[in-house]
Amino acid sequence: MSGTVYGIGLGPGDPELMTLKAARLIGEAKVIAYPTLAGGESFARSIAADYITEGTREIVMDVPMTVDRAPAQAAYDIGADAIRSALDAGEDVVVLCEGDPFFYGSFMYLFARLKRDYAVEVVPGVTSVTTCAAVAGMPMAARNEVVTILPAPELVGRLDRGHSMDVLHSADTLVVMKLGRHFARVRAAIDAAGLTEKAVYIERASTPHEVVLPLSKAPEKAPYFSMILIVKGADPWL
């Protein structure tokens, strides 16, 4: 019989934010798979490192971060083929995924390739968004408030189309993720909307390198693992 694929959400970076189920499955795993960026260290593996047992076979997927999606899709094709080989040999495969597998998670690309032919179980993880709200001390949504989540590239695209100010003004709570090289333009748009005083900048939440600052005091450059939270308090819930 074929093995089972487990897509494991590892949480945002602090290993103590992994679920008990995730830790158990990683500790029992004989085969694990995970992505790396441009041949570098794997953040996902570093989160799970203390639970990976000696002798566990590792499938490493080198996934390029480029605007062109074809190289990344090709990397997931190669990774899925390696996972299939293990599954067909009757081995279970634990796939490590930062955050939550189905919330901008890398696992979804493997899930789409494997779900029709193999048993797949998804183990949810703590998301970066909820972690950032926690470390910033900002309740994100109460009662009937609506949370809008935008990747920075999408917000910049809306800027170019002349529509970004609509979402900045209409959202009760706005989360802008994946800042990276788009940070300066996102920051300028928030300032133009008069929302800087309500905005908090967070990078690398829950890790030893965590930074939490008012957006007005944020550094000039931001890493990919950073976001801005804007909570307007539209519903007077207290």
Protein backbone atom coordinates (compact mmCIF):
# COMPACT_ATOMS: atom_id res chain seq x y z
CA MET A 1 0.00 0.00 0.00
CA SER A 2 1.07 3.57 -0.65
CA GLY A 3 2.24 5.78 2.17
CA THR A 4 0.50 8.91 3.47
CA VAL A 5 1.58 12.50 2.97
CA TYR A 6 1.43 14.74 6.04
CA GLY A 7 1.55 18.48 5.41
CA ILE A 8 2.77 19.88 8.71
CA GLY A 9 2.24 23.50 9.71
CA LEU A 10 5.22 24.52 11.85
CA GLY A 11 4.05 27.94 12.97
CA PRO A 12 5.90 31.25 12.51
CA GLY A 13 9.33 30.34 13.83
CA ASP A 14 9.29 29.61 17.57
CA PRO A 15 9.42 25.79 17.88
CA GLU A 16 7.25 26.01 21.00
CA LEU A 17 4.41 27.28 18.81
CA MET A 18 4.28 23.98 16.93
CA THR A 19 1.28 21.80 17.75
CA LEU A 20 1.70 18.58 19.71
CA LYS A 21 0.51 16.66 16.64
CA ALA A 22 3.11 18.30 14.43
CA ALA A 23 5.91 17.49 16.89
CA ARG A 24 4.76 13.87 17.20
CA LEU A 25 4.55 13.28 13.45
CA ILE A 26 7.96 14.84 12.82
CA GLY A 27 9.50 12.71 15.58
CA GLU A 28 8.01 9.55 14.09
CA ALA A 29 8.92 10.40 10.49
CA LYS A 30 11.28 8.21 8.47
CA VAL A 31 11.11 10.56 5.48
CA ILE A 32 10.70 14.34 5.60
CA ALA A 33 10.55 16.90 2.80
CA TYR A 34 10.98 20.65 2.91
CA PRO A 35 11.77 23.65 0.70
CA THR A 36 14.90 25.76 0.67
CA LEU A 37 15.49 29.08 -1.07
CA ALA A 38 18.26 29.29 -3.65
CA GLY A 39 20.15 26.41 -2.07
CA GLY A 40 20.37 28.11 1.32
CA GLU A 41 19.33 26.98 4.76
CA SER A 42 15.73 25.87 5.21
CA PHE A 43 13.78 27.99 7.70
CA ALA A 44 11.17 25.23 7.92
CA ARG A 45 13.76 22.63 8.85
CA SER A 46 15.33 24.92 11.44
CA ILE A 47 11.98 25.19 13.24
CA ALA A 48 11.56 21.40 13.35
CA ALA A 49 15.24 20.51 13.87
CA ASP A 50 14.97 19.34 17.50
CA TYR A 51 12.26 16.83 16.56
CA ILE A 52 13.95 15.24 13.54
CA THR A 53 15.45 11.90 14.54
CA GLU A 54 18.77 10.48 13.43
CA GLY A 55 18.54 8.46 10.25
CA THR A 56 15.53 10.30 8.86
CA ARG A 57 15.77 10.61 5.08
CA GLU A 58 15.41 14.18 3.82
CA ILE A 59 13.98 15.33 0.50
CA VAL A 60 15.20 18.86 -0.15
CA MET A 61 13.34 21.05 -2.65
CA ASP A 62 15.31 24.05 -3.88
CA VAL A 63 12.58 26.56 -4.78
CA PRO A 64 13.71 29.79 -6.49
CA MET A 65 12.01 33.04 -5.44
CA THR A 66 11.49 34.77 -8.77
CA VAL A 67 8.72 36.84 -10.35
CA ASP A 68 8.51 34.21 -13.08
CA ARG A 69 6.59 31.32 -11.52
CA ALA A 70 7.85 28.64 -13.94
CA PRO A 71 11.13 27.85 -12.06
CA ALA A 72 9.29 27.37 -8.76
CA GLN A 73 6.63 25.20 -10.38
CA ALA A 74 9.36 23.06 -11.90
CA ALA A 75 10.98 22.69 -8.46
CA TYR A 76 7.69 21.49 -6.97
CA ASP A 77 7.32 19.02 -9.85
CA ILE A 78 10.72 17.55 -8.99
CA GLY A 79 9.90 17.49 -5.28
CA ALA A 80 6.54 15.82 -5.87
CA ASP A 81 8.23 13.11 -7.97
CA ALA A 82 10.68 12.37 -5.14
CA ILE A 83 7.82 12.19 -2.65
CA ARG A 84 5.87 9.88 -4.97
CA SER A 85 8.79 7.46 -5.04
CA ALA A 86 8.77 7.23 -1.25
CA LEU A 87 4.98 6.89 -1.10
CA ASP A 88 4.96 4.15 -3.72
CA ALA A 89 7.50 2.27 -1.60
CA GLY A 90 5.01 2.35 1.26
CA GLU A 91 6.74 5.10 3.23
CA ASP A 92 4.90 7.99 4.85
CA VAL A 93 6.30 11.43 4.06
CA VAL A 94 6.13 14.41 6.42
CA VAL A 95 6.33 17.72 4.54
CA LEU A 96 7.47 20.68 6.64
CA CYS A 97 5.79 24.02 6.01
CA GLU A 98 6.35 27.35 7.74
CA GLY A 99 3.21 28.84 9.27
CA ASP A 100 0.06 27.05 8.11
CA PRO A 101 0.08 24.76 5.05
CA PHE A 102 -3.02 26.33 3.49
CA PHE A 103 -2.33 29.97 4.38
CA TYR A 104 0.14 31.12 1.72
CA GLY A 105 1.94 27.86 2.52
CA SER A 106 4.42 26.07 0.29
CA PHE A 107 2.71 22.73 0.94
CA MET A 108 -0.32 23.65 -1.15
CA TYR A 109 1.77 23.28 -4.33
CA LEU A 110 2.61 19.69 -3.40
CA PHE A 111 -0.94 19.03 -2.23
CA ALA A 112 -2.26 19.95 -5.68
CA ARG A 113 0.15 17.50 -7.29
CA LEU A 114 -0.40 14.55 -4.93
CA LYS A 115 -3.98 14.71 -3.62
CA ARG A 116 -5.57 12.66 -6.41
CA ASP A 117 -3.30 9.65 -6.04
CA TYR A 118 -2.36 9.49 -2.35
CA ALA A 119 -3.81 9.91 1.11
CA VAL A 120 -2.99 13.41 2.38
CA GLU A 121 -3.45 14.77 5.89
CA VAL A 122 -2.97 18.47 6.62
CA VAL A 123 -1.94 19.55 10.12
CA PRO A 124 -2.73 23.25 10.61
CA GLY A 125 -0.23 25.61 12.16
CA VAL A 126 -0.16 28.99 13.88
CA THR A 127 -0.18 31.67 11.19
CA SER A 128 2.20 34.60 10.92
CA VAL A 129 -0.77 36.97 10.99
CA THR A 130 -2.11 35.82 14.34
CA THR A 131 1.42 35.69 15.73
CA CYS A 132 2.09 39.27 14.69
CA ALA A 133 -1.15 40.42 16.31
CA ALA A 134 -0.12 38.63 19.51
CA VAL A 135 3.40 40.07 19.73
CA ALA A 136 2.10 43.55 18.87
CA GLY A 137 -0.66 43.32 21.48
CA MET A 138 -3.30 44.20 18.87
CA PRO A 139 -6.66 42.38 18.93
CA MET A 140 -7.37 42.16 15.18
CA ALA A 141 -11.10 41.60 14.93
CA ALA A 142 -14.07 41.88 17.26
CA ARG A 143 -17.76 41.19 16.72
CA ASN A 144 -18.52 42.01 13.07
CA GLU A 145 -15.22 43.59 12.03
CA VAL A 146 -13.74 42.41 8.76
CA VAL A 147 -10.05 41.57 8.35
CA THR A 148 -8.48 42.22 4.93
CA ILE A 149 -5.18 40.49 4.14
CA LEU A 150 -3.09 41.73 1.22
CA PRO A 151 0.33 40.57 0.05
CA ALA A 152 2.46 43.65 -0.60
CA PRO A 153 2.91 42.81 -4.32
CA GLU A 154 -0.89 42.88 -4.72
CA LEU A 155 -1.18 46.20 -2.90
CA VAL A 156 1.54 47.66 -5.12
CA GLY A 157 -0.32 46.33 -8.15
CA ARG A 158 -3.42 48.14 -6.97
CA LEU A 159 -1.32 51.26 -6.53
CA ASP A 160 -0.27 51.01 -10.15
CA ARG A 161 -3.91 50.60 -11.20
CA GLY A 162 -5.04 53.49 -9.00
CA HIS A 163 -7.18 51.40 -6.64
CA SER A 164 -5.04 50.89 -3.52
CA MET A 165 -6.56 53.75 -1.53
CA ASP A 166 -9.99 52.10 -1.71
CA VAL A 167 -8.92 49.09 0.34
CA LEU A 168 -6.87 51.21 2.75
CA HIS A 169 -9.94 53.29 3.55
CA SER A 170 -12.58 50.53 3.51
CA ALA A 171 -10.88 47.78 5.55
CA ASP A 172 -11.72 47.56 9.27
CA THR A 173 -8.42 45.79 9.89
CA LEU A 174 -5.72 45.57 7.24
CA VAL A 175 -2.79 43.16 7.17
CA VAL A 176 -0.07 43.76 4.58
CA MET A 177 2.26 40.76 4.26
CA LYS A 178 5.49 39.92 2.43
CA LEU A 179 6.83 43.47 2.47
CA GLY A 180 10.38 42.95 1.25
CA ARG A 181 11.27 45.13 -1.73
CA HIS A 182 7.78 46.67 -1.78
CA PHE A 183 8.06 48.20 1.68
CA ALA A 184 8.78 51.79 0.66
CA ARG A 185 5.76 52.02 -1.64
CA VAL A 186 3.44 50.34 0.85
CA ARG A 187 4.62 52.66 3.59
CA ALA A 188 4.08 55.73 1.41
CA ALA A 189 0.54 54.62 0.52
CA ILE A 190 -0.37 54.08 4.18
CA ASP A 191 1.00 57.51 5.02
CA ALA A 192 -0.96 59.12 2.16
CA ALA A 193 -4.12 57.48 3.52
CA GLY A 194 -3.51 59.04 6.94
CA LEU A 195 -3.15 55.66 8.65
CA THR A 196 0.47 55.68 9.79
CA GLU A 197 -0.43 56.38 13.42
CA LYS A 198 -2.64 53.27 13.49
CA ALA A 199 -0.04 51.04 11.83
CA VAL A 200 2.44 48.69 13.50
CA TYR A 201 5.43 47.09 11.77
CA ILE A 202 6.50 43.56 12.75
CA GLU A 203 9.32 41.45 11.37
CA ARG A 204 10.36 37.86 12.12
CA ALA A 205 7.67 37.47 14.77
CA SER A 206 8.34 34.86 17.50
CA THR A 207 12.02 34.44 16.54
CA PRO A 208 15.09 35.80 18.37
CA HIS A 209 15.26 38.52 15.67
CA GLU A 210 11.72 39.78 16.25
CA VAL A 211 11.10 43.51 15.75
CA VAL A 212 7.87 45.29 16.74
CA LEU A 213 7.67 49.06 16.10
CA PRO A 214 5.18 51.77 15.22
CA LEU A 215 5.32 52.09 11.45
CA SER A 216 6.59 55.65 11.87
CA LYS A 217 9.73 54.25 13.57
CA ALA A 218 10.27 51.24 11.30
CA PRO A 219 13.60 50.81 9.47
CA GLU A 220 13.99 51.88 5.87
CA LYS A 221 14.19 48.32 4.57
CA ALA A 222 12.08 45.30 5.47
CA PRO A 223 12.71 41.56 5.01
CA TYR A 224 10.25 39.23 3.30
CA PHE A 225 9.16 37.91 6.71
CA SER A 226 7.58 41.16 7.83
CA MET A 227 4.14 42.73 7.85
CA ILE A 228 2.13 45.79 8.79
CA LEU A 229 -1.02 45.65 10.92
CA ILE A 230 -3.57 48.44 10.81
CA VAL A 231 -6.42 48.08 13.30
CA LYS A 232 -8.97 50.89 13.09
CA GLY A 233 -11.25 49.74 15.91
CA ALA A 234 -14.38 50.10 13.76
CA ASP A 235 -16.59 48.27 16.28
CA PRO A 236 -16.63 49.71 19.83
CA TRP A 237 -16.55 46.25 21.36
CA LEU A 238 -15.60 47.35 24.90
